[in-house]
Amino acid sequence: MRAIIVNSPGGPEALSLTAVPGLVIGSHDIRIAVAAAGVNRADIMQRQGRYPSPVDAPQWPGLEVSGVVTGVGEDVTRFGLGDRVCALLAGGGYATQAVVHEDLALLVPLSMDLIDAAALPEALATVWSNVFMSAELAPGETLLVHGGASGIGTTAIQLARLMDAHVAVTAGSAEKLAACASLGAEILINYREQDFVAKIQDATDGNGADVILDIMGGSYAARNIEAVAVNGRIMVLANQSGEPATFDPFRLMQKRARYWGTTLRARSLAEKVAIMRSLESAIWPWITSGEFRPVVDSRFSFENAADAHRRMETSAHVGKILLVP
């Protein structure tokens, strides 16, 4: 099999497509012939040497794939050879084959392009577990999504609207805001030109956002607390700013708000399975009906993986970037 490995931590040029040994299939595992792998910010961090794969996962990047089942462990009950699936991985998606526990995979509807399905697992699991399972966004509430045009953002907008919640987004250009609006976002904030705190307070008659999904961290921490509603929930998924966060705990107390930091990759198998089961029952009917569709920005060949990383690092993309063997 072939995989995109990191020869040594560094820039996009550190990615190298090479032959690697095949993967062992455990009793509850399936082997997938990869049709596509999703590109995520975590992959950038791994390439830079800041976010290695867990010790029990392949050491090359890749947190999600789609493809066809080509092998099954002796105790597998959910899938058979030839099934079209997408799967959540702890690592190893940047390869022509992936091995994953059967409970972390889901069937891809025949109505969906198999390559595009690689855009589903990581973003859906992240948004669903944070915004709905933990923060419990309810119909009629307002969700504020920072980075609304990202893979996480475009997923969050669609899910929140399907759940009859209102959506506000921040993005850095009119084109990105227009893309967010086309998915159902109602409050559009250009963070380069507008103060998102003032904008969200004005748009909600001073109530603020009930749930905030933050990928920026840093200075956004204190501003999120000003923007959140009383009894609101702030979910912090990343710290793309690279800066430490400072805020006044008393303001958080006044709002009776919760400030949660979360990760997905490091969770136990049982936790991830619970998330995927919840996704399967609550969201997969919308996948099957076509009411939810992943937004795919671009596809790159494995040979051009460095260009895929460069595009993500420019933040020019809208939706997901995919790698195709």
C-alpha atoms as a PDB file:
ATOM      1  CA  MET A   1       0.000   0.000   0.000  1.00  0.00           C
ATOM      2  CA  ARG A   2       1.015   3.638  -0.339  1.00  0.00           C
ATOM      3  CA  ALA A   3       0.782   6.381   2.274  1.00  0.00           C
ATOM      4  CA  ILE A   4       1.596  10.070   2.565  1.00  0.00           C
ATOM      5  CA  ILE A   5       4.148  10.223   5.366  1.00  0.00           C
ATOM      6  CA  VAL A   6       5.942  13.087   7.067  1.00  0.00           C
ATOM      7  CA  ASN A   7       9.670  12.630   6.553  1.00  0.00           C
ATOM      8  CA  SER A   8      10.469  15.218   9.206  1.00  0.00           C
ATOM      9  CA  PRO A   9       8.327  17.980  10.714  1.00  0.00           C
ATOM     10  CA  GLY A  10       8.072  21.030   8.515  1.00  0.00           C
ATOM     11  CA  GLY A  11       6.132  22.724   5.735  1.00  0.00           C
ATOM     12  CA  PRO A  12       3.938  21.121   3.087  1.00  0.00           C
ATOM     13  CA  GLU A  13       7.037  19.871   1.284  1.00  0.00           C
ATOM     14  CA  ALA A  14       7.576  17.476   4.224  1.00  0.00           C
ATOM     15  CA  LEU A  15       4.765  15.272   2.868  1.00  0.00           C
ATOM     16  CA  SER A  16       5.992  12.309   0.830  1.00  0.00           C
ATOM     17  CA  LEU A  17       4.037   9.560  -0.958  1.00  0.00           C
ATOM     18  CA  THR A  18       5.757   6.232  -0.432  1.00  0.00           C
ATOM     19  CA  ALA A  19       5.210   2.489  -0.051  1.00  0.00           C
ATOM     20  CA  VAL A  20       4.469   1.226   3.479  1.00  0.00           C
ATOM     21  CA  PRO A  21       3.680  -2.226   4.917  1.00  0.00           C
ATOM     22  CA  GLY A  22       0.047  -3.353   4.880  1.00  0.00           C
ATOM     23  CA  LEU A  23      -2.040  -2.983   8.040  1.00  0.00           C
ATOM     24  CA  VAL A  24      -3.151  -5.835  10.312  1.00  0.00           C
ATOM     25  CA  ILE A  25      -6.921  -6.328  10.620  1.00  0.00           C
ATOM     26  CA  GLY A  26      -8.179  -6.959  14.158  1.00  0.00           C
ATOM     27  CA  SER A  27     -11.180  -9.136  14.923  1.00  0.00           C
ATOM     28  CA  HIS A  28     -13.610  -6.176  14.943  1.00  0.00           C
ATOM     29  CA  ASP A  29     -11.850  -4.176  12.206  1.00  0.00           C
ATOM     30  CA  ILE A  30     -12.641  -3.553   8.566  1.00  0.00           C
ATOM     31  CA  ARG A  31     -10.135  -2.739   5.829  1.00  0.00           C
ATOM     32  CA  ILE A  32     -11.128   0.040   3.440  1.00  0.00           C
ATOM     33  CA  ALA A  33      -9.789   0.676  -0.052  1.00  0.00           C
ATOM     34  CA  VAL A  34      -9.635   4.455   0.284  1.00  0.00           C
ATOM     35  CA  ALA A  35     -11.582   6.505  -2.256  1.00  0.00           C
ATOM     36  CA  ALA A  36     -10.708   9.785  -0.545  1.00  0.00           C
ATOM     37  CA  ALA A  37      -9.354  11.220   2.698  1.00  0.00           C
ATOM     38  CA  GLY A  38     -10.436  14.454   4.328  1.00  0.00           C
ATOM     39  CA  VAL A  39      -7.873  17.161   5.109  1.00  0.00           C
ATOM     40  CA  ASN A  40      -8.146  18.725   8.570  1.00  0.00           C
ATOM     41  CA  ARG A  41      -6.280  21.341  10.600  1.00  0.00           C
ATOM     42  CA  ALA A  42      -5.062  18.529  12.835  1.00  0.00           C
ATOM     43  CA  ASP A  43      -3.181  17.148   9.814  1.00  0.00           C
ATOM     44  CA  ILE A  44      -1.347  20.462   9.455  1.00  0.00           C
ATOM     45  CA  MET A  45      -0.357  20.316  13.114  1.00  0.00           C
ATOM     46  CA  GLN A  46       0.778  16.702  12.755  1.00  0.00           C
ATOM     47  CA  ARG A  47       2.908  17.600   9.744  1.00  0.00           C
ATOM     48  CA  GLN A  48       4.500  20.360  11.824  1.00  0.00           C
ATOM     49  CA  GLY A  49       5.324  17.885  14.596  1.00  0.00           C
ATOM     50  CA  ARG A  50       2.826  19.338  17.071  1.00  0.00           C
ATOM     51  CA  TYR A  51       0.092  16.668  17.068  1.00  0.00           C
ATOM     52  CA  PRO A  52       1.346  13.095  16.567  1.00  0.00           C
ATOM     53  CA  SER A  53      -0.875  10.101  15.943  1.00  0.00           C
ATOM     54  CA  PRO A  54      -1.739   7.974  18.992  1.00  0.00           C
ATOM     55  CA  VAL A  55       0.712   5.126  19.503  1.00  0.00           C
ATOM     56  CA  ASP A  56      -1.815   2.508  18.373  1.00  0.00           C
ATOM     57  CA  ALA A  57      -2.631   4.281  15.074  1.00  0.00           C
ATOM     58  CA  PRO A  58      -0.614   4.598  11.845  1.00  0.00           C
ATOM     59  CA  GLN A  59       1.874   7.436  12.156  1.00  0.00           C
ATOM     60  CA  TRP A  60       0.877   9.224   8.950  1.00  0.00           C
ATOM     61  CA  PRO A  61      -1.922  11.844   8.954  1.00  0.00           C
ATOM     62  CA  GLY A  62      -5.596  11.451   8.147  1.00  0.00           C
ATOM     63  CA  LEU A  63      -8.627  11.450  10.458  1.00  0.00           C
ATOM     64  CA  GLU A  64     -11.363  10.408   8.009  1.00  0.00           C
ATOM     65  CA  VAL A  65     -11.809   8.406   4.838  1.00  0.00           C
ATOM     66  CA  SER A  66     -14.401   6.995   2.499  1.00  0.00           C
ATOM     67  CA  GLY A  67     -14.096   3.884   0.387  1.00  0.00           C
ATOM     68  CA  VAL A  68     -15.072   0.268  -0.147  1.00  0.00           C
ATOM     69  CA  VAL A  69     -14.711  -2.547   2.385  1.00  0.00           C
ATOM     70  CA  THR A  70     -12.122  -5.066   1.131  1.00  0.00           C
ATOM     71  CA  GLY A  71     -11.520  -7.054   4.317  1.00  0.00           C
ATOM     72  CA  VAL A  72     -13.317  -7.853   7.571  1.00  0.00           C
ATOM     73  CA  GLY A  73     -12.203  -9.245  10.899  1.00  0.00           C
ATOM     74  CA  GLU A  74     -13.623 -12.523  12.139  1.00  0.00           C
ATOM     75  CA  ASP A  75     -16.037 -10.867  14.581  1.00  0.00           C
ATOM     76  CA  VAL A  76     -17.319  -8.081  12.299  1.00  0.00           C
ATOM     77  CA  THR A  77     -21.121  -7.991  12.043  1.00  0.00           C
ATOM     78  CA  ARG A  78     -21.945  -4.542  10.666  1.00  0.00           C
ATOM     79  CA  PHE A  79     -20.320  -4.676   7.216  1.00  0.00           C
ATOM     80  CA  GLY A  80     -19.483  -7.019   4.383  1.00  0.00           C
ATOM     81  CA  LEU A  81     -17.102  -6.987   1.459  1.00  0.00           C
ATOM     82  CA  GLY A  82     -18.009  -4.358  -1.126  1.00  0.00           C
ATOM     83  CA  ASP A  83     -19.905  -2.068   1.248  1.00  0.00           C
ATOM     84  CA  ARG A  84     -19.459   1.659   0.649  1.00  0.00           C
ATOM     85  CA  VAL A  85     -18.453   3.304   3.918  1.00  0.00           C
ATOM     86  CA  CYS A  86     -16.964   6.388   5.505  1.00  0.00           C
ATOM     87  CA  ALA A  87     -15.043   6.200   8.751  1.00  0.00           C
ATOM     88  CA  LEU A  88     -13.576   8.217  11.615  1.00  0.00           C
ATOM     89  CA  LEU A  89      -9.901   7.432  12.272  1.00  0.00           C
ATOM     90  CA  ALA A  90      -7.361   8.228  14.970  1.00  0.00           C
ATOM     91  CA  GLY A  91      -4.786   8.519  12.182  1.00  0.00           C
ATOM     92  CA  GLY A  92      -3.696   6.900   8.939  1.00  0.00           C
ATOM     93  CA  GLY A  93      -6.236   8.219   6.454  1.00  0.00           C
ATOM     94  CA  TYR A  94      -3.649   9.503   3.983  1.00  0.00           C
ATOM     95  CA  ALA A  95      -3.166   6.082   2.419  1.00  0.00           C
ATOM     96  CA  THR A  96      -4.571   3.761  -0.212  1.00  0.00           C
ATOM     97  CA  GLN A  97      -5.882   1.498   2.572  1.00  0.00           C
ATOM     98  CA  ALA A  98      -7.195   2.156   6.051  1.00  0.00           C
ATOM     99  CA  VAL A  99      -8.123  -0.167   8.900  1.00  0.00           C
ATOM    100  CA  VAL A 100     -10.697   0.885  11.483  1.00  0.00           C
ATOM    101  CA  HIS A 101     -12.987  -0.605  14.106  1.00  0.00           C
ATOM    102  CA  GLU A 102     -16.315  -1.408  12.494  1.00  0.00           C
ATOM    103  CA  ASP A 103     -18.233   0.760  14.975  1.00  0.00           C
ATOM    104  CA  LEU A 104     -16.439   3.876  13.729  1.00  0.00           C
ATOM    105  CA  ALA A 105     -17.703   3.410  10.170  1.00  0.00           C
ATOM    106  CA  LEU A 106     -21.053   4.236   8.576  1.00  0.00           C
ATOM    107  CA  LEU A 107     -22.650   3.189   5.298  1.00  0.00           C
ATOM    108  CA  VAL A 108     -22.533   5.734   2.498  1.00  0.00           C
ATOM    109  CA  PRO A 109     -25.909   6.044   0.746  1.00  0.00           C
ATOM    110  CA  LEU A 110     -25.908   5.048  -2.910  1.00  0.00           C
ATOM    111  CA  SER A 111     -27.233   8.533  -3.693  1.00  0.00           C
ATOM    112  CA  MET A 112     -23.979  10.132  -2.466  1.00  0.00           C
ATOM    113  CA  ASP A 113     -20.697  10.414  -4.333  1.00  0.00           C
ATOM    114  CA  LEU A 114     -18.265   8.113  -2.541  1.00  0.00           C
ATOM    115  CA  ILE A 115     -15.375  10.583  -2.762  1.00  0.00           C
ATOM    116  CA  ASP A 116     -17.451  13.411  -1.283  1.00  0.00           C
ATOM    117  CA  ALA A 117     -18.406  11.125   1.613  1.00  0.00           C
ATOM    118  CA  ALA A 118     -14.856  11.509   2.962  1.00  0.00           C
ATOM    119  CA  ALA A 119     -15.929  15.018   3.999  1.00  0.00           C
ATOM    120  CA  LEU A 120     -18.475  13.635   6.480  1.00  0.00           C
ATOM    121  CA  PRO A 121     -16.985  11.789   9.485  1.00  0.00           C
ATOM    122  CA  GLU A 122     -14.694  14.267  11.244  1.00  0.00           C
ATOM    123  CA  ALA A 123     -16.804  17.399  10.765  1.00  0.00           C
ATOM    124  CA  LEU A 124     -20.086  15.670  11.581  1.00  0.00           C
ATOM    125  CA  ALA A 125     -18.706  13.925  14.664  1.00  0.00           C
ATOM    126  CA  THR A 126     -17.107  17.154  15.893  1.00  0.00           C
ATOM    127  CA  VAL A 127     -20.154  19.352  15.361  1.00  0.00           C
ATOM    128  CA  TRP A 128     -22.700  16.816  16.564  1.00  0.00           C
ATOM    129  CA  SER A 129     -20.791  15.915  19.743  1.00  0.00           C
ATOM    130  CA  ASN A 130     -20.077  19.519  20.668  1.00  0.00           C
ATOM    131  CA  VAL A 131     -23.064  21.561  19.546  1.00  0.00           C
ATOM    132  CA  PHE A 132     -25.804  19.023  20.156  1.00  0.00           C
ATOM    133  CA  MET A 133     -24.655  16.243  22.515  1.00  0.00           C
ATOM    134  CA  SER A 134     -22.714  18.530  24.898  1.00  0.00           C
ATOM    135  CA  ALA A 135     -24.028  22.079  24.398  1.00  0.00           C
ATOM    136  CA  GLU A 136     -27.566  20.826  23.629  1.00  0.00           C
ATOM    137  CA  LEU A 137     -28.452  23.517  21.088  1.00  0.00           C
ATOM    138  CA  ALA A 138     -32.244  23.664  21.039  1.00  0.00           C
ATOM    139  CA  PRO A 139     -34.750  24.747  18.370  1.00  0.00           C
ATOM    140  CA  GLY A 140     -35.133  28.516  18.376  1.00  0.00           C
ATOM    141  CA  GLU A 141     -31.737  29.134  19.991  1.00  0.00           C
ATOM    142  CA  THR A 142     -28.918  30.991  18.250  1.00  0.00           C
ATOM    143  CA  LEU A 143     -25.611  29.368  17.319  1.00  0.00           C
ATOM    144  CA  LEU A 144     -22.583  31.542  16.544  1.00  0.00           C
ATOM    145  CA  VAL A 145     -19.987  29.774  14.398  1.00  0.00           C
ATOM    146  CA  HIS A 146     -16.521  31.274  14.051  1.00  0.00           C
ATOM    147  CA  GLY A 147     -15.004  30.312  10.720  1.00  0.00           C
ATOM    148  CA  GLY A 148     -18.378  29.722   9.139  1.00  0.00           C
ATOM    149  CA  ALA A 149     -16.942  28.804   5.730  1.00  0.00           C
ATOM    150  CA  SER A 150     -14.678  26.054   7.061  1.00  0.00           C
ATOM    151  CA  GLY A 151     -15.512  22.368   6.921  1.00  0.00           C
ATOM    152  CA  ILE A 152     -16.689  22.534  10.535  1.00  0.00           C
ATOM    153  CA  GLY A 153     -18.558  25.769   9.863  1.00  0.00           C
ATOM    154  CA  THR A 154     -20.446  24.634   6.769  1.00  0.00           C
ATOM    155  CA  THR A 155     -21.426  21.467   8.632  1.00  0.00           C
ATOM    156  CA  ALA A 156     -22.576  23.357  11.728  1.00  0.00           C
ATOM    157  CA  ILE A 157     -24.713  25.777   9.708  1.00  0.00           C
ATOM    158  CA  GLN A 158     -26.598  22.989   7.971  1.00  0.00           C
ATOM    159  CA  LEU A 159     -27.151  20.881  11.098  1.00  0.00           C
ATOM    160  CA  ALA A 160     -28.326  23.842  13.164  1.00  0.00           C
ATOM    161  CA  ARG A 161     -30.807  24.905  10.489  1.00  0.00           C
ATOM    162  CA  LEU A 162     -32.093  21.337  10.162  1.00  0.00           C
ATOM    163  CA  MET A 163     -32.627  21.419  13.937  1.00  0.00           C
ATOM    164  CA  ASP A 164     -34.591  24.699  13.607  1.00  0.00           C
ATOM    165  CA  ALA A 165     -31.968  26.851  15.324  1.00  0.00           C
ATOM    166  CA  HIS A 166     -30.788  30.270  14.145  1.00  0.00           C
ATOM    167  CA  VAL A 167     -27.229  30.664  12.888  1.00  0.00           C
ATOM    168  CA  ALA A 168     -24.741  33.514  13.006  1.00  0.00           C
ATOM    169  CA  VAL A 169     -21.312  33.199  11.408  1.00  0.00           C
ATOM    170  CA  THR A 170     -18.046  35.068  11.200  1.00  0.00           C
ATOM    171  CA  ALA A 171     -15.929  34.931   8.045  1.00  0.00           C
ATOM    172  CA  GLY A 172     -13.293  37.092   6.398  1.00  0.00           C
ATOM    173  CA  SER A 173     -14.819  37.960   3.034  1.00  0.00           C
ATOM    174  CA  ALA A 174     -18.098  38.766   1.329  1.00  0.00           C
ATOM    175  CA  GLU A 175     -17.709  35.635  -0.807  1.00  0.00           C
ATOM    176  CA  LYS A 176     -17.401  33.397   2.221  1.00  0.00           C
ATOM    177  CA  LEU A 177     -20.347  35.061   3.936  1.00  0.00           C
ATOM    178  CA  ALA A 178     -22.421  34.541   0.787  1.00  0.00           C
ATOM    179  CA  ALA A 179     -21.534  30.831   0.858  1.00  0.00           C
ATOM    180  CA  CYS A 180     -22.632  30.672   4.499  1.00  0.00           C
ATOM    181  CA  ALA A 181     -25.887  32.453   3.671  1.00  0.00           C
ATOM    182  CA  SER A 182     -26.617  29.941   0.908  1.00  0.00           C
ATOM    183  CA  LEU A 183     -26.488  27.197   3.550  1.00  0.00           C
ATOM    184  CA  GLY A 184     -28.919  29.003   5.845  1.00  0.00           C
ATOM    185  CA  ALA A 185     -26.837  31.352   8.015  1.00  0.00           C
ATOM    186  CA  GLU A 186     -28.924  34.401   8.915  1.00  0.00           C
ATOM    187  CA  ILE A 187     -26.511  36.693  10.762  1.00  0.00           C
ATOM    188  CA  LEU A 188     -23.422  37.383   8.664  1.00  0.00           C
ATOM    189  CA  ILE A 189     -20.395  39.030  10.280  1.00  0.00           C
ATOM    190  CA  ASN A 190     -17.225  40.012   8.450  1.00  0.00           C
ATOM    191  CA  TYR A 191     -14.696  39.809  11.271  1.00  0.00           C
ATOM    192  CA  ARG A 192     -12.234  41.987   9.335  1.00  0.00           C
ATOM    193  CA  GLU A 193     -14.682  44.885   9.265  1.00  0.00           C
ATOM    194  CA  GLN A 194     -17.192  44.328  12.081  1.00  0.00           C
ATOM    195  CA  ASP A 195     -17.109  43.659  15.814  1.00  0.00           C
ATOM    196  CA  PHE A 196     -18.786  40.294  16.212  1.00  0.00           C
ATOM    197  CA  VAL A 197     -19.754  41.040  19.833  1.00  0.00           C
ATOM    198  CA  ALA A 198     -21.692  44.166  18.902  1.00  0.00           C
ATOM    199  CA  LYS A 199     -23.155  42.521  15.827  1.00  0.00           C
ATOM    200  CA  ILE A 200     -24.459  39.437  17.623  1.00  0.00           C
ATOM    201  CA  GLN A 201     -25.863  41.483  20.496  1.00  0.00           C
ATOM    202  CA  ASP A 202     -27.642  43.783  18.067  1.00  0.00           C
ATOM    203  CA  ALA A 203     -29.035  40.922  15.993  1.00  0.00           C
ATOM    204  CA  THR A 204     -30.407  39.102  19.051  1.00  0.00           C
ATOM    205  CA  ASP A 205     -31.904  42.123  20.830  1.00  0.00           C
ATOM    206  CA  GLY A 206     -29.147  42.022  23.423  1.00  0.00           C
ATOM    207  CA  ASN A 207     -29.552  38.352  24.320  1.00  0.00           C
ATOM    208  CA  GLY A 208     -26.377  37.068  22.678  1.00  0.00           C
ATOM    209  CA  ALA A 209     -25.665  33.644  21.205  1.00  0.00           C
ATOM    210  CA  ASP A 210     -26.867  30.622  23.147  1.00  0.00           C
ATOM    211  CA  VAL A 211     -24.034  28.452  21.824  1.00  0.00           C
ATOM    212  CA  ILE A 212     -20.702  29.588  20.363  1.00  0.00           C
ATOM    213  CA  LEU A 213     -18.483  27.231  18.354  1.00  0.00           C
ATOM    214  CA  ASP A 214     -14.949  28.626  18.492  1.00  0.00           C
ATOM    215  CA  ILE A 215     -11.927  27.481  16.491  1.00  0.00           C
ATOM    216  CA  MET A 216      -9.851  30.624  17.112  1.00  0.00           C
ATOM    217  CA  GLY A 217      -9.130  30.738  20.843  1.00  0.00           C
ATOM    218  CA  GLY A 218      -6.724  33.443  22.025  1.00  0.00           C
ATOM    219  CA  SER A 219      -8.312  36.878  22.240  1.00  0.00           C
ATOM    220  CA  TYR A 220     -11.670  35.426  21.183  1.00  0.00           C
ATOM    221  CA  ALA A 221     -12.087  33.970  24.689  1.00  0.00           C
ATOM    222  CA  ALA A 222     -13.005  37.221  26.434  1.00  0.00           C
ATOM    223  CA  ARG A 223     -15.037  38.437  23.461  1.00  0.00           C
ATOM    224  CA  ASN A 224     -16.978  35.187  23.307  1.00  0.00           C
ATOM    225  CA  ILE A 225     -18.009  35.665  26.914  1.00  0.00           C
ATOM    226  CA  GLU A 226     -19.326  39.124  26.040  1.00  0.00           C
ATOM    227  CA  ALA A 227     -21.191  37.665  23.049  1.00  0.00           C
ATOM    228  CA  VAL A 228     -22.714  34.651  24.783  1.00  0.00           C
ATOM    229  CA  ALA A 229     -26.210  34.654  26.258  1.00  0.00           C
ATOM    230  CA  VAL A 230     -27.029  34.102  29.906  1.00  0.00           C
ATOM    231  CA  ASN A 231     -26.785  30.336  30.502  1.00  0.00           C
ATOM    232  CA  GLY A 232     -24.892  30.097  27.211  1.00  0.00           C
ATOM    233  CA  ARG A 233     -22.328  27.502  26.200  1.00  0.00           C
ATOM    234  CA  ILE A 234     -18.970  28.239  24.543  1.00  0.00           C
ATOM    235  CA  MET A 235     -17.369  25.211  22.862  1.00  0.00           C
ATOM    236  CA  VAL A 236     -13.665  25.616  22.048  1.00  0.00           C
ATOM    237  CA  LEU A 237     -12.444  23.197  19.382  1.00  0.00           C
ATOM    238  CA  ALA A 238      -9.085  24.699  18.455  1.00  0.00           C
ATOM    239  CA  ASN A 239      -6.686  27.555  19.071  1.00  0.00           C
ATOM    240  CA  GLN A 240      -5.823  28.625  15.538  1.00  0.00           C
ATOM    241  CA  SER A 241      -4.649  31.974  16.850  1.00  0.00           C
ATOM    242  CA  GLY A 242      -1.809  30.243  18.661  1.00  0.00           C
ATOM    243  CA  GLU A 243      -2.222  32.753  21.485  1.00  0.00           C
ATOM    244  CA  PRO A 244      -2.997  32.220  25.183  1.00  0.00           C
ATOM    245  CA  ALA A 245      -6.505  33.125  26.306  1.00  0.00           C
ATOM    246  CA  THR A 246      -7.225  35.656  29.045  1.00  0.00           C
ATOM    247  CA  PHE A 247     -10.667  36.543  30.390  1.00  0.00           C
ATOM    248  CA  ASP A 248     -12.384  37.740  33.547  1.00  0.00           C
ATOM    249  CA  PRO A 249     -13.973  34.748  35.342  1.00  0.00           C
ATOM    250  CA  PHE A 250     -16.488  37.105  36.944  1.00  0.00           C
ATOM    251  CA  ARG A 251     -17.985  37.905  33.529  1.00  0.00           C
ATOM    252  CA  LEU A 252     -18.400  34.183  32.915  1.00  0.00           C
ATOM    253  CA  MET A 253     -20.065  33.871  36.326  1.00  0.00           C
ATOM    254  CA  GLN A 254     -22.392  36.773  35.602  1.00  0.00           C
ATOM    255  CA  LYS A 255     -23.553  35.025  32.448  1.00  0.00           C
ATOM    256  CA  ARG A 256     -23.830  31.682  34.286  1.00  0.00           C
ATOM    257  CA  ALA A 257     -22.168  30.421  31.107  1.00  0.00           C
ATOM    258  CA  ARG A 258     -20.024  27.369  30.441  1.00  0.00           C
ATOM    259  CA  TYR A 259     -16.660  27.526  28.678  1.00  0.00           C
ATOM    260  CA  TRP A 260     -15.749  24.074  27.406  1.00  0.00           C
ATOM    261  CA  GLY A 261     -12.575  22.879  25.751  1.00  0.00           C
ATOM    262  CA  THR A 262     -12.924  19.642  23.805  1.00  0.00           C
ATOM    263  CA  THR A 263     -11.082  17.273  21.498  1.00  0.00           C
ATOM    264  CA  LEU A 264     -12.226  14.306  19.436  1.00  0.00           C
ATOM    265  CA  ARG A 265      -9.097  12.389  18.408  1.00  0.00           C
ATOM    266  CA  ALA A 266      -7.986  11.545  21.952  1.00  0.00           C
ATOM    267  CA  ARG A 267     -11.348  10.200  23.102  1.00  0.00           C
ATOM    268  CA  SER A 268     -11.739   6.547  23.994  1.00  0.00           C
ATOM    269  CA  LEU A 269     -13.178   4.050  21.534  1.00  0.00           C
ATOM    270  CA  ALA A 270     -16.347   3.838  23.619  1.00  0.00           C
ATOM    271  CA  GLU A 271     -16.855   7.608  23.485  1.00  0.00           C
ATOM    272  CA  LYS A 272     -16.298   7.736  19.744  1.00  0.00           C
ATOM    273  CA  VAL A 273     -18.655   4.816  19.176  1.00  0.00           C
ATOM    274  CA  ALA A 274     -21.358   6.615  21.182  1.00  0.00           C
ATOM    275  CA  ILE A 275     -20.930   9.693  18.982  1.00  0.00           C
ATOM    276  CA  MET A 276     -21.091   7.671  15.768  1.00  0.00           C
ATOM    277  CA  ARG A 277     -24.166   5.768  16.954  1.00  0.00           C
ATOM    278  CA  SER A 278     -25.890   9.039  17.772  1.00  0.00           C
ATOM    279  CA  LEU A 279     -24.931  10.409  14.347  1.00  0.00           C
ATOM    280  CA  GLU A 280     -26.273   7.307  12.663  1.00  0.00           C
ATOM    281  CA  SER A 281     -29.685   7.582  14.287  1.00  0.00           C
ATOM    282  CA  ALA A 282     -30.118  11.375  14.327  1.00  0.00           C
ATOM    283  CA  ILE A 283     -28.280  12.646  11.237  1.00  0.00           C
ATOM    284  CA  TRP A 284     -27.944   9.800   8.769  1.00  0.00           C
ATOM    285  CA  PRO A 285     -31.574  10.031   7.605  1.00  0.00           C
ATOM    286  CA  TRP A 286     -30.746  13.574   6.412  1.00  0.00           C
ATOM    287  CA  ILE A 287     -27.638  12.235   4.659  1.00  0.00           C
ATOM    288  CA  THR A 288     -29.705   9.570   2.938  1.00  0.00           C
ATOM    289  CA  SER A 289     -32.452  11.991   1.887  1.00  0.00           C
ATOM    290  CA  GLY A 290     -29.947  14.552   0.632  1.00  0.00           C
ATOM    291  CA  GLU A 291     -31.166  17.249   3.040  1.00  0.00           C
ATOM    292  CA  PHE A 292     -27.597  17.456   4.325  1.00  0.00           C
ATOM    293  CA  ARG A 293     -24.760  17.569   1.825  1.00  0.00           C
ATOM    294  CA  PRO A 294     -21.085  18.097   2.635  1.00  0.00           C
ATOM    295  CA  VAL A 295     -19.586  21.198   1.072  1.00  0.00           C
ATOM    296  CA  VAL A 296     -16.460  20.170  -0.837  1.00  0.00           C
ATOM    297  CA  ASP A 297     -14.052  22.942  -1.740  1.00  0.00           C
ATOM    298  CA  SER A 298     -11.550  20.971  -3.804  1.00  0.00           C
ATOM    299  CA  ARG A 299      -9.985  17.611  -4.548  1.00  0.00           C
ATOM    300  CA  PHE A 300      -6.238  16.976  -4.792  1.00  0.00           C
ATOM    301  CA  SER A 301      -4.410  13.831  -5.836  1.00  0.00           C
ATOM    302  CA  PHE A 302      -2.174  12.108  -3.308  1.00  0.00           C
ATOM    303  CA  GLU A 303       0.786  13.271  -5.372  1.00  0.00           C
ATOM    304  CA  ASN A 304      -0.336  16.866  -4.781  1.00  0.00           C
ATOM    305  CA  ALA A 305      -0.975  16.566  -1.049  1.00  0.00           C
ATOM    306  CA  ALA A 306       1.404  19.457  -0.379  1.00  0.00           C
ATOM    307  CA  ASP A 307      -0.821  21.738  -2.471  1.00  0.00           C
ATOM    308  CA  ALA A 308      -3.866  20.599  -0.475  1.00  0.00           C
ATOM    309  CA  HIS A 309      -2.105  21.608   2.746  1.00  0.00           C
ATOM    310  CA  ARG A 310      -1.061  24.932   1.242  1.00  0.00           C
ATOM    311  CA  ARG A 311      -4.675  25.686   0.325  1.00  0.00           C
ATOM    312  CA  MET A 312      -5.842  24.923   3.843  1.00  0.00           C
ATOM    313  CA  GLU A 313      -3.113  27.087   5.353  1.00  0.00           C
ATOM    314  CA  THR A 314      -4.195  30.071   3.253  1.00  0.00           C
ATOM    315  CA  SER A 315      -7.761  29.671   4.600  1.00  0.00           C
ATOM    316  CA  ALA A 316      -9.032  30.358   1.085  1.00  0.00           C
ATOM    317  CA  HIS A 317     -11.205  27.246   1.052  1.00  0.00           C
ATOM    318  CA  VAL A 318     -14.967  26.994   1.576  1.00  0.00           C
ATOM    319  CA  GLY A 319     -15.907  23.604   2.997  1.00  0.00           C
ATOM    320  CA  LYS A 320     -13.745  20.504   2.939  1.00  0.00           C
ATOM    321  CA  ILE A 321     -10.534  19.731   1.058  1.00  0.00           C
ATOM    322  CA  LEU A 322     -10.141  16.119  -0.048  1.00  0.00           C
ATOM    323  CA  LEU A 323      -7.206  13.934  -1.074  1.00  0.00           C
ATOM    324  CA  VAL A 324      -7.877  11.273  -3.717  1.00  0.00           C
ATOM    325  CA  PRO A 325      -5.521   8.329  -4.362  1.00  0.00           C
END
